[in-house]
Protein backbone atom coordinates (compact mmCIF):
# COMPACT_ATOMS: atom_id res chain seq x y z
CA MET A 1 0.00 0.00 0.00
CA ASN A 2 1.27 3.47 -0.80
CA SER A 3 0.57 6.74 1.00
CA GLU A 4 -1.94 7.88 -1.64
CA LYS A 5 -4.05 4.75 -1.14
CA ALA A 6 -3.83 5.07 2.65
CA PHE A 7 -4.88 8.73 2.50
CA GLY A 8 -7.84 7.77 0.34
CA ILE A 9 -9.01 5.19 2.84
CA ILE A 10 -8.78 7.68 5.70
CA LEU A 11 -10.46 10.43 3.67
CA LYS A 12 -13.39 8.18 2.79
CA LYS A 13 -13.70 7.04 6.42
CA TYR A 14 -13.93 10.57 7.81
CA ARG A 15 -16.11 11.87 4.98
CA GLY A 16 -18.58 9.13 5.86
CA MET A 17 -18.38 9.94 9.56
CA VAL A 18 -19.53 13.50 8.92
CA SER A 19 -22.11 12.32 6.37
CA LEU A 20 -20.77 14.30 3.43
CA SER A 21 -21.04 13.15 -0.15
CA GLN A 22 -18.05 13.61 -2.41
CA GLU A 23 -19.93 16.44 -4.06
CA GLU A 24 -20.66 18.17 -0.74
CA LEU A 25 -17.04 17.85 0.37
CA ALA A 26 -15.87 19.18 -2.99
CA HIS A 27 -18.19 22.18 -2.69
CA GLN A 28 -17.10 22.97 0.88
CA SER A 29 -13.41 22.59 0.06
CA ASN A 30 -13.61 24.37 -3.31
CA LEU A 31 -12.22 21.27 -5.02
CA ASP A 32 -13.63 19.30 -7.92
CA ARG A 33 -15.76 16.25 -7.07
CA THR A 34 -13.74 14.11 -9.46
CA PHE A 35 -10.58 15.15 -7.59
CA ILE A 36 -12.13 13.98 -4.30
CA SER A 37 -12.97 10.67 -6.00
CA LEU A 38 -9.41 10.32 -7.31
CA LEU A 39 -8.01 11.06 -3.86
CA GLU A 40 -10.25 8.43 -2.27
CA ARG A 41 -9.17 5.85 -4.83
CA GLY A 42 -5.50 6.65 -4.24
CA LEU A 43 -5.00 7.90 -7.78
CA ARG A 44 -3.90 11.41 -6.83
CA ARG A 45 -1.46 12.71 -4.24
CA PRO A 46 -2.86 15.46 -2.01
CA THR A 47 -0.83 18.61 -1.53
CA LEU A 48 -0.28 20.00 1.92
CA ASN A 49 -2.78 22.74 1.14
CA THR A 50 -5.35 20.14 0.08
CA ILE A 51 -4.88 18.23 3.34
CA PHE A 52 -5.44 21.43 5.33
CA VAL A 53 -8.57 22.41 3.38
CA ILE A 54 -10.11 18.94 3.52
CA SER A 55 -9.32 18.44 7.20
CA LYS A 56 -11.13 21.67 8.07
CA CYS A 57 -14.24 20.44 6.24
CA LEU A 58 -14.02 17.15 8.15
CA ASN A 59 -13.59 18.91 11.52
CA LYS A 60 -10.18 17.29 11.97
CA LYS A 61 -6.69 18.62 12.44
CA PRO A 62 -4.43 17.97 9.46
CA SER A 63 -2.04 16.20 11.81
CA GLU A 64 -4.80 13.78 12.81
CA LEU A 65 -5.36 12.77 9.19
CA VAL A 66 -1.65 12.36 8.57
CA GLN A 67 -1.23 10.38 11.79
CA GLU A 68 -3.98 7.97 10.74
CA VAL A 69 -2.40 7.56 7.31
CA GLU A 70 0.92 6.79 9.00
CA GLN A 71 -0.75 4.28 11.34
CA LEU A 72 -2.50 2.55 8.45
CA LEU A 73 0.77 2.27 6.54
CA ASP A 74 2.57 0.94 9.63
CA GLU A 75 -0.14 -1.69 10.11
CA HIS A 76 0.08 -2.66 6.47
CA TYR A 77 3.86 -3.01 6.48
CA THR A 78 3.97 -4.96 9.74
CA GLY A 79 1.01 -7.12 8.81
CA GLU A 80 -1.01 -5.94 11.81
CA ASP A 81 -4.68 -5.11 11.67
CA THR A 82 -6.21 -3.44 14.71
CA ASN A 83 -9.70 -3.28 13.17
């Protein structure tokens, strides 16, 4: 798993937790809906600015998103699964 894929998994998780569609998140973050979709599928790499904008829409700190991505990657590389 790469960092783009891990970010996508975390993004989709938190978007669902706040009950936002891709379109709603795109509107709130001033990003294109297709870009949100590409991020969630791990096909695009988010910039630091994108992480900050999206995290605000998800009521999360950017560091929390990054920390979860790091944790997911660690679990993947060590073969652990805490879920």
